[in-house]
């Protein structure tokens, strides 16, 4: 069974009282070798931020990691950006 990649997610957490303005982007992209890469980018809004790529042999495991990270960020106060 082949699972489709989840849609990219762009999350933000803004709290002026704490001078906090952060973003977090997640996406799953296929590789040339049939694997899947989980791409993460995070940082302060208005900057390029930092990037991290994690490759998984099984695309379903990559999608599971994507969902776990997105849920974790939402629990920490990040919301889908508009």
PDB file of N, CA and C in Angstrom:
ATOM      1  N   UNK A   1       0.840  -1.180   0.000  1.00  0.00           N
ATOM      2  CA  UNK A   1       0.000   0.000   0.000  1.00  0.00           C
ATOM      3  C   UNK A   1       0.888   1.247   0.000  1.00  0.00           C
ATOM      4  N   UNK A   2       0.627   2.151  -0.887  1.00  0.00           N
ATOM      5  CA  UNK A   2       1.432   3.367  -0.997  1.00  0.00           C
ATOM      6  C   UNK A   2       0.694   4.532  -0.340  1.00  0.00           C
ATOM      7  N   UNK A   3       1.388   5.238   0.536  1.00  0.00           N
ATOM      8  CA  UNK A   3       0.790   6.366   1.241  1.00  0.00           C
ATOM      9  C   UNK A   3       1.258   7.665   0.601  1.00  0.00           C
ATOM     10  N   UNK A   4       0.346   8.606   0.404  1.00  0.00           N
ATOM     11  CA  UNK A   4       0.731   9.880  -0.181  1.00  0.00           C
ATOM     12  C   UNK A   4       1.398  10.751   0.879  1.00  0.00           C
ATOM     13  N   UNK A   5       2.252  11.640   0.419  1.00  0.00           N
ATOM     14  CA  UNK A   5       2.935  12.545   1.339  1.00  0.00           C
ATOM     15  C   UNK A   5       1.954  13.569   1.896  1.00  0.00           C
ATOM     16  N   UNK A   6       2.084  13.893   3.188  1.00  0.00           N
ATOM     17  CA  UNK A   6       1.209  14.931   3.761  1.00  0.00           C
ATOM     18  C   UNK A   6       1.542  16.297   3.160  1.00  0.00           C
ATOM     19  N   UNK A   7       0.553  17.172   3.139  1.00  0.00           N
ATOM     20  CA  UNK A   7       0.763  18.534   2.642  1.00  0.00           C
ATOM     21  C   UNK A   7       1.722  19.274   3.567  1.00  0.00           C
ATOM     22  N   UNK A   8       2.568  20.150   3.014  1.00  0.00           N
ATOM     23  CA  UNK A   8       3.479  20.946   3.861  1.00  0.00           C
ATOM     24  C   UNK A   8       2.702  21.768   4.884  1.00  0.00           C
ATOM     25  N   UNK A   9       3.324  21.977   6.035  1.00  0.00           N
ATOM     26  CA  UNK A   9       2.714  22.740   7.127  1.00  0.00           C
ATOM     27  C   UNK A   9       3.628  23.898   7.486  1.00  0.00           C
ATOM     28  N   UNK A  10       3.031  25.088   7.625  1.00  0.00           N
ATOM     29  CA  UNK A  10       3.775  26.269   8.070  1.00  0.00           C
ATOM     30  C   UNK A  10       3.122  26.750   9.365  1.00  0.00           C
ATOM     31  N   UNK A  11       3.858  26.663  10.464  1.00  0.00           N
ATOM     32  CA  UNK A  11       3.346  27.035  11.775  1.00  0.00           C
ATOM     33  C   UNK A  11       4.049  28.289  12.278  1.00  0.00           C
ATOM     34  N   UNK A  12       3.337  29.066  13.095  1.00  0.00           N
ATOM     35  CA  UNK A  12       3.922  30.265  13.701  1.00  0.00           C
ATOM     36  C   UNK A  12       3.535  30.331  15.166  1.00  0.00           C
ATOM     37  N   UNK A  13       4.429  30.930  15.934  1.00  0.00           N
ATOM     38  CA  UNK A  13       4.138  31.215  17.336  1.00  0.00           C
ATOM     39  C   UNK A  13       4.570  32.649  17.594  1.00  0.00           C
ATOM     40  N   UNK A  14       3.602  33.517  17.878  1.00  0.00           N
ATOM     41  CA  UNK A  14       3.869  34.937  18.103  1.00  0.00           C
ATOM     42  C   UNK A  14       3.323  35.322  19.465  1.00  0.00           C
ATOM     43  N   UNK A  15       4.193  35.889  20.307  1.00  0.00           N
ATOM     44  CA  UNK A  15       3.789  36.387  21.623  1.00  0.00           C
ATOM     45  C   UNK A  15       4.536  37.691  21.879  1.00  0.00           C
ATOM     46  N   UNK A  16       3.884  38.849  21.625  1.00  0.00           N
ATOM     47  CA  UNK A  16       4.565  40.135  21.796  1.00  0.00           C
ATOM     48  C   UNK A  16       5.060  40.369  23.229  1.00  0.00           C
ATOM     49  N   UNK A  17       4.363  39.840  24.226  1.00  0.00           N
ATOM     50  CA  UNK A  17       4.781  40.024  25.617  1.00  0.00           C
ATOM     51  C   UNK A  17       6.144  39.389  25.880  1.00  0.00           C
ATOM     52  N   UNK A  18       6.455  38.309  25.169  1.00  0.00           N
ATOM     53  CA  UNK A  18       7.744  37.631  25.326  1.00  0.00           C
ATOM     54  C   UNK A  18       8.720  37.979  24.210  1.00  0.00           C
ATOM     55  N   UNK A  19       8.343  38.918  23.337  1.00  0.00           N
ATOM     56  CA  UNK A  19       9.147  39.276  22.170  1.00  0.00           C
ATOM     57  C   UNK A  19       9.464  38.029  21.339  1.00  0.00           C
ATOM     58  N   UNK A  20       8.444  37.193  21.154  1.00  0.00           N
ATOM     59  CA  UNK A  20       8.607  35.933  20.443  1.00  0.00           C
ATOM     60  C   UNK A  20       7.869  35.981  19.113  1.00  0.00           C
ATOM     61  N   UNK A  21       8.575  35.664  18.050  1.00  0.00           N
ATOM     62  CA  UNK A  21       7.983  35.567  16.716  1.00  0.00           C
ATOM     63  C   UNK A  21       8.747  34.474  15.972  1.00  0.00           C
ATOM     64  N   UNK A  22       8.247  33.248  16.041  1.00  0.00           N
ATOM     65  CA  UNK A  22       8.939  32.089  15.474  1.00  0.00           C
ATOM     66  C   UNK A  22       8.096  31.404  14.409  1.00  0.00           C
ATOM     67  N   UNK A  23       8.787  30.696  13.519  1.00  0.00           N
ATOM     68  CA  UNK A  23       8.097  29.886  12.518  1.00  0.00           C
ATOM     69  C   UNK A  23       8.688  28.489  12.519  1.00  0.00           C
ATOM     70  N   UNK A  24       7.919  27.542  11.997  1.00  0.00           N
ATOM     71  CA  UNK A  24       8.353  26.157  11.867  1.00  0.00           C
ATOM     72  C   UNK A  24       7.658  25.579  10.639  1.00  0.00           C
ATOM     73  N   UNK A  25       8.434  25.110   9.665  1.00  0.00           N
ATOM     74  CA  UNK A  25       7.889  24.521   8.438  1.00  0.00           C
ATOM     75  C   UNK A  25       8.268  23.053   8.369  1.00  0.00           C
ATOM     76  N   UNK A  26       7.317  22.230   7.957  1.00  0.00           N
ATOM     77  CA  UNK A  26       7.538  20.793   7.781  1.00  0.00           C
ATOM     78  C   UNK A  26       7.036  20.364   6.413  1.00  0.00           C
ATOM     79  N   UNK A  27       7.774  19.497   5.759  1.00  0.00           N
ATOM     80  CA  UNK A  27       7.296  18.896   4.516  1.00  0.00           C
ATOM     81  C   UNK A  27       7.992  17.555   4.313  1.00  0.00           C
ATOM     82  N   UNK A  28       7.337  16.684   3.566  1.00  0.00           N
ATOM     83  CA  UNK A  28       7.906  15.385   3.200  1.00  0.00           C
ATOM     84  C   UNK A  28       8.057  15.378   1.689  1.00  0.00           C
ATOM     85  N   UNK A  29       9.267  15.071   1.221  1.00  0.00           N
ATOM     86  CA  UNK A  29       9.560  15.053  -0.206  1.00  0.00           C
ATOM     87  C   UNK A  29      10.154  13.700  -0.587  1.00  0.00           C
ATOM     88  N   UNK A  30       9.790  13.167  -1.750  1.00  0.00           N
ATOM     89  CA  UNK A  30      10.404  11.903  -2.199  1.00  0.00           C
ATOM     90  C   UNK A  30      11.842  12.148  -2.648  1.00  0.00           C
ATOM     91  N   UNK A  31      12.672  11.129  -2.490  1.00  0.00           N
ATOM     92  CA  UNK A  31      14.045  11.199  -2.992  1.00  0.00           C
ATOM     93  C   UNK A  31      14.123  10.461  -4.325  1.00  0.00           C
ATOM     94  N   UNK A  32      15.254  10.542  -4.975  1.00  0.00           N
ATOM     95  CA  UNK A  32      15.436   9.860  -6.261  1.00  0.00           C
ATOM     96  C   UNK A  32      15.522   8.349  -6.110  1.00  0.00           C
ATOM     97  N   UNK A  33      15.718   7.867  -4.894  1.00  0.00           N
ATOM     98  CA  UNK A  33      15.935   6.446  -4.668  1.00  0.00           C
ATOM     99  C   UNK A  33      14.733   5.759  -4.023  1.00  0.00           C
ATOM    100  N   UNK A  34      13.567   6.384  -4.076  1.00  0.00           N
ATOM    101  CA  UNK A  34      12.363   5.774  -3.544  1.00  0.00           C
ATOM    102  C   UNK A  34      12.181   5.942  -2.053  1.00  0.00           C
ATOM    103  N   UNK A  35      13.042   6.705  -1.430  1.00  0.00           N
ATOM    104  CA  UNK A  35      12.923   6.983  -0.001  1.00  0.00           C
ATOM    105  C   UNK A  35      12.127   8.275   0.174  1.00  0.00           C
ATOM    106  N   UNK A  36      12.008   8.720   1.415  1.00  0.00           N
ATOM    107  CA  UNK A  36      11.318   9.982   1.686  1.00  0.00           C
ATOM    108  C   UNK A  36      12.160  10.805   2.642  1.00  0.00           C
ATOM    109  N   UNK A  37      12.205  12.104   2.419  1.00  0.00           N
ATOM    110  CA  UNK A  37      12.952  13.017   3.283  1.00  0.00           C
ATOM    111  C   UNK A  37      11.979  13.934   4.006  1.00  0.00           C
ATOM    112  N   UNK A  38      12.178  14.050   5.313  1.00  0.00           N
ATOM    113  CA  UNK A  38      11.421  14.994   6.129  1.00  0.00           C
ATOM    114  C   UNK A  38      12.246  16.265   6.212  1.00  0.00           C
ATOM    115  N   UNK A  39      11.706  17.346   5.665  1.00  0.00           N
ATOM    116  CA  UNK A  39      12.410  18.627   5.652  1.00  0.00           C
ATOM    117  C   UNK A  39      11.819  19.526   6.725  1.00  0.00           C
ATOM    118  N   UNK A  40      12.691  20.082   7.557  1.00  0.00           N
ATOM    119  CA  UNK A  40      12.269  20.991   8.621  1.00  0.00           C
ATOM    120  C   UNK A  40      13.027  22.298   8.487  1.00  0.00           C
ATOM    121  N   UNK A  41      12.336  23.389   8.715  1.00  0.00           N
ATOM    122  CA  UNK A  41      12.949  24.707   8.725  1.00  0.00           C
ATOM    123  C   UNK A  41      12.330  25.472   9.875  1.00  0.00           C
ATOM    124  N   UNK A  42      13.152  26.122  10.688  1.00  0.00           N
ATOM    125  CA  UNK A  42      12.642  26.859  11.838  1.00  0.00           C
ATOM    126  C   UNK A  42      13.520  28.064  12.106  1.00  0.00           C
ATOM    127  N   UNK A  43      12.935  29.035  12.802  1.00  0.00           N
ATOM    128  CA  UNK A  43      13.697  30.223  13.170  1.00  0.00           C
ATOM    129  C   UNK A  43      12.783  31.376  13.519  1.00  0.00           C
ATOM    130  N   UNK A  44      13.386  32.542  13.618  1.00  0.00           N
ATOM    131  CA  UNK A  44      12.651  33.750  13.923  1.00  0.00           C
ATOM    132  C   UNK A  44      12.009  34.268  12.638  1.00  0.00           C
ATOM    133  N   UNK A  45      10.758  34.716  12.733  1.00  0.00           N
ATOM    134  CA  UNK A  45      10.055  35.253  11.570  1.00  0.00           C
ATOM    135  C   UNK A  45      10.853  36.427  11.011  1.00  0.00           C
ATOM    136  N   UNK A  46      11.047  36.436   9.710  1.00  0.00           N
ATOM    137  CA  UNK A  46      11.812  37.481   9.047  1.00  0.00           C
ATOM    138  C   UNK A  46      13.241  37.067   8.744  1.00  0.00           C
ATOM    139  N   UNK A  47      13.652  35.873   9.227  1.00  0.00           N
ATOM    140  CA  UNK A  47      14.994  35.366   8.935  1.00  0.00           C
ATOM    141  C   UNK A  47      14.872  34.123   8.062  1.00  0.00           C
ATOM    142  N   UNK A  48      15.996  33.678   7.543  1.00  0.00           N
ATOM    143  CA  UNK A  48      16.034  32.465   6.734  1.00  0.00           C
ATOM    144  C   UNK A  48      15.804  31.243   7.600  1.00  0.00           C
ATOM    145  N   UNK A  49      16.293  31.266   8.808  1.00  0.00           N
ATOM    146  CA  UNK A  49      16.132  30.144   9.722  1.00  0.00           C
ATOM    147  C   UNK A  49      17.142  29.043   9.485  1.00  0.00           C
ATOM    148  N   UNK A  50      16.943  27.948  10.152  1.00  0.00           N
ATOM    149  CA  UNK A  50      17.812  26.779  10.032  1.00  0.00           C
ATOM    150  C   UNK A  50      17.043  25.669   9.329  1.00  0.00           C
ATOM    151  N   UNK A  51      17.783  24.807   8.633  1.00  0.00           N
ATOM    152  CA  UNK A  51      17.186  23.694   7.906  1.00  0.00           C
ATOM    153  C   UNK A  51      17.743  22.376   8.418  1.00  0.00           C
ATOM    154  N   UNK A  52      16.901  21.352   8.351  1.00  0.00           N
ATOM    155  CA  UNK A  52      17.343  20.004   8.688  1.00  0.00           C
ATOM    156  C   UNK A  52      16.603  19.033   7.771  1.00  0.00           C
ATOM    157  N   UNK A  53      17.320  18.038   7.257  1.00  0.00           N
ATOM    158  CA  UNK A  53      16.718  17.021   6.421  1.00  0.00           C
ATOM    159  C   UNK A  53      17.012  15.651   7.023  1.00  0.00           C
ATOM    160  N   UNK A  54      15.974  14.857   7.181  1.00  0.00           N
ATOM    161  CA  UNK A  54      16.106  13.511   7.719  1.00  0.00           C
ATOM    162  C   UNK A  54      15.503  12.557   6.695  1.00  0.00           C
ATOM    163  N   UNK A  55      16.267  11.557   6.264  1.00  0.00           N
ATOM    164  CA  UNK A  55      15.820  10.636   5.230  1.00  0.00           C
ATOM    165  C   UNK A  55      15.386   9.322   5.854  1.00  0.00           C
ATOM    166  N   UNK A  56      14.260   8.807   5.362  1.00  0.00           N
ATOM    167  CA  UNK A  56      13.700   7.553   5.843  1.00  0.00           C
ATOM    168  C   UNK A  56      13.585   6.580   4.673  1.00  0.00           C
ATOM    169  N   UNK A  57      13.874   5.307   4.914  1.00  0.00           N
ATOM    170  CA  UNK A  57      13.751   4.294   3.865  1.00  0.00           C
ATOM    171  C   UNK A  57      12.288   4.049   3.524  1.00  0.00           C
ATOM    172  N   UNK A  58      11.409   4.176   4.507  1.00  0.00           N
ATOM    173  CA  UNK A  58       9.980   3.921   4.321  1.00  0.00           C
ATOM    174  C   UNK A  58       9.215   5.244   4.354  1.00  0.00           C
ATOM    175  N   UNK A  59       8.512   5.602   3.285  1.00  0.00           N
ATOM    176  CA  UNK A  59       7.749   6.850   3.269  1.00  0.00           C
ATOM    177  C   UNK A  59       6.682   6.929   4.368  1.00  0.00           C
ATOM    178  N   UNK A  60       6.144   5.810   4.787  1.00  0.00           N
ATOM    179  CA  UNK A  60       5.146   5.810   5.856  1.00  0.00           C
ATOM    180  C   UNK A  60       5.755   6.227   7.182  1.00  0.00           C
ATOM    181  N   UNK A  61       6.992   5.850   7.425  1.00  0.00           N
ATOM    182  CA  UNK A  61       7.691   6.260   8.654  1.00  0.00           C
ATOM    183  C   UNK A  61       7.955   7.761   8.612  1.00  0.00           C
ATOM    184  N   UNK A  62       8.298   8.284   7.445  1.00  0.00           N
ATOM    185  CA  UNK A  62       8.516   9.727   7.296  1.00  0.00           C
ATOM    186  C   UNK A  62       7.220  10.495   7.563  1.00  0.00           C
ATOM    187  N   UNK A  63       6.107   9.995   7.041  1.00  0.00           N
ATOM    188  CA  UNK A  63       4.811  10.651   7.268  1.00  0.00           C
ATOM    189  C   UNK A  63       4.433  10.597   8.745  1.00  0.00           C
ATOM    190  N   UNK A  64       4.752   9.495   9.401  1.00  0.00           N
ATOM    191  CA  UNK A  64       4.472   9.359  10.836  1.00  0.00           C
ATOM    192  C   UNK A  64       5.296  10.362  11.647  1.00  0.00           C
ATOM    193  N   UNK A  65       6.573  10.517  11.301  1.00  0.00           N
ATOM    194  CA  UNK A  65       7.441  11.485  11.980  1.00  0.00           C
ATOM    195  C   UNK A  65       6.935  12.905  11.737  1.00  0.00           C
ATOM    196  N   UNK A  66       6.464  13.184  10.523  1.00  0.00           N
ATOM    197  CA  UNK A  66       5.887  14.484  10.178  1.00  0.00           C
ATOM    198  C   UNK A  66       4.701  14.795  11.094  1.00  0.00           C
ATOM    199  N   UNK A  67       3.778  13.840  11.214  1.00  0.00           N
ATOM    200  CA  UNK A  67       2.584  14.051  12.039  1.00  0.00           C
ATOM    201  C   UNK A  67       2.949  14.230  13.513  1.00  0.00           C
ATOM    202  N   UNK A  68       3.917  13.463  13.993  1.00  0.00           N
ATOM    203  CA  UNK A  68       4.352  13.564  15.385  1.00  0.00           C
ATOM    204  C   UNK A  68       4.946  14.935  15.675  1.00  0.00           C
ATOM    205  N   UNK A  69       5.804  15.436  14.785  1.00  0.00           N
ATOM    206  CA  UNK A  69       6.419  16.749  14.981  1.00  0.00           C
ATOM    207  C   UNK A  69       5.393  17.876  14.888  1.00  0.00           C
ATOM    208  N   UNK A  70       4.472  17.778  13.930  1.00  0.00           N
ATOM    209  CA  UNK A  70       3.439  18.812  13.792  1.00  0.00           C
ATOM    210  C   UNK A  70       2.576  18.866  15.053  1.00  0.00           C
ATOM    211  N   UNK A  71       2.206  17.714  15.587  1.00  0.00           N
ATOM    212  CA  UNK A  71       1.393  17.674  16.815  1.00  0.00           C
ATOM    213  C   UNK A  71       2.169  18.235  17.998  1.00  0.00           C
ATOM    214  N   UNK A  72       3.455  17.913  18.073  1.00  0.00           N
ATOM    215  CA  UNK A  72       4.292  18.410  19.173  1.00  0.00           C
ATOM    216  C   UNK A  72       4.369  19.937  19.139  1.00  0.00           C
ATOM    217  N   UNK A  73       4.557  20.509  17.963  1.00  0.00           N
ATOM    218  CA  UNK A  73       4.650  21.968  17.841  1.00  0.00           C
ATOM    219  C   UNK A  73       3.324  22.630  18.192  1.00  0.00           C
ATOM    220  N   UNK A  74       2.210  22.022  17.790  1.00  0.00           N
ATOM    221  CA  UNK A  74       0.895  22.589  18.132  1.00  0.00           C
ATOM    222  C   UNK A  74       0.665  22.556  19.632  1.00  0.00           C
ATOM    223  N   UNK A  75       1.125  21.509  20.302  1.00  0.00           N
ATOM    224  CA  UNK A  75       1.005  21.458  21.764  1.00  0.00           C
ATOM    225  C   UNK A  75       1.827  22.558  22.427  1.00  0.00           C
ATOM    226  N   UNK A  76       2.890  22.976  21.784  1.00  0.00           N
ATOM    227  CA  UNK A  76       3.747  24.035  22.345  1.00  0.00           C
ATOM    228  C   UNK A  76       3.280  25.439  21.986  1.00  0.00           C
ATOM    229  N   UNK A  77       2.134  25.540  21.329  1.00  0.00           N
ATOM    230  CA  UNK A  77       1.573  26.862  21.061  1.00  0.00           C
ATOM    231  C   UNK A  77       1.692  27.356  19.636  1.00  0.00           C
ATOM    232  N   UNK A  78       2.282  26.586  18.746  1.00  0.00           N
ATOM    233  CA  UNK A  78       2.376  26.993  17.336  1.00  0.00           C
ATOM    234  C   UNK A  78       1.016  26.805  16.691  1.00  0.00           C
ATOM    235  N   UNK A  79       0.675  27.722  15.788  1.00  0.00           N
ATOM    236  CA  UNK A  79      -0.583  27.662  15.064  1.00  0.00           C
ATOM    237  C   UNK A  79      -0.314  27.759  13.569  1.00  0.00           C
ATOM    238  N   UNK A  80      -1.214  27.212  12.770  1.00  0.00           N
ATOM    239  CA  UNK A  80      -1.079  27.285  11.320  1.00  0.00           C
ATOM    240  C   UNK A  80      -1.136  28.750  10.908  1.00  0.00           C
ATOM    241  N   UNK A  81      -0.157  29.171  10.118  1.00  0.00           N
ATOM    242  CA  UNK A  81      -0.096  30.579   9.697  1.00  0.00           C
ATOM    243  C   UNK A  81      -1.147  30.862   8.642  1.00  0.00           C
ATOM    244  N   UNK A  82      -1.574  32.108   8.577  1.00  0.00           N
ATOM    245  CA  UNK A  82      -2.593  32.505   7.611  1.00  0.00           C
ATOM    246  C   UNK A  82      -1.983  33.246   6.451  1.00  0.00           C
TER     247      UNK A  82
END
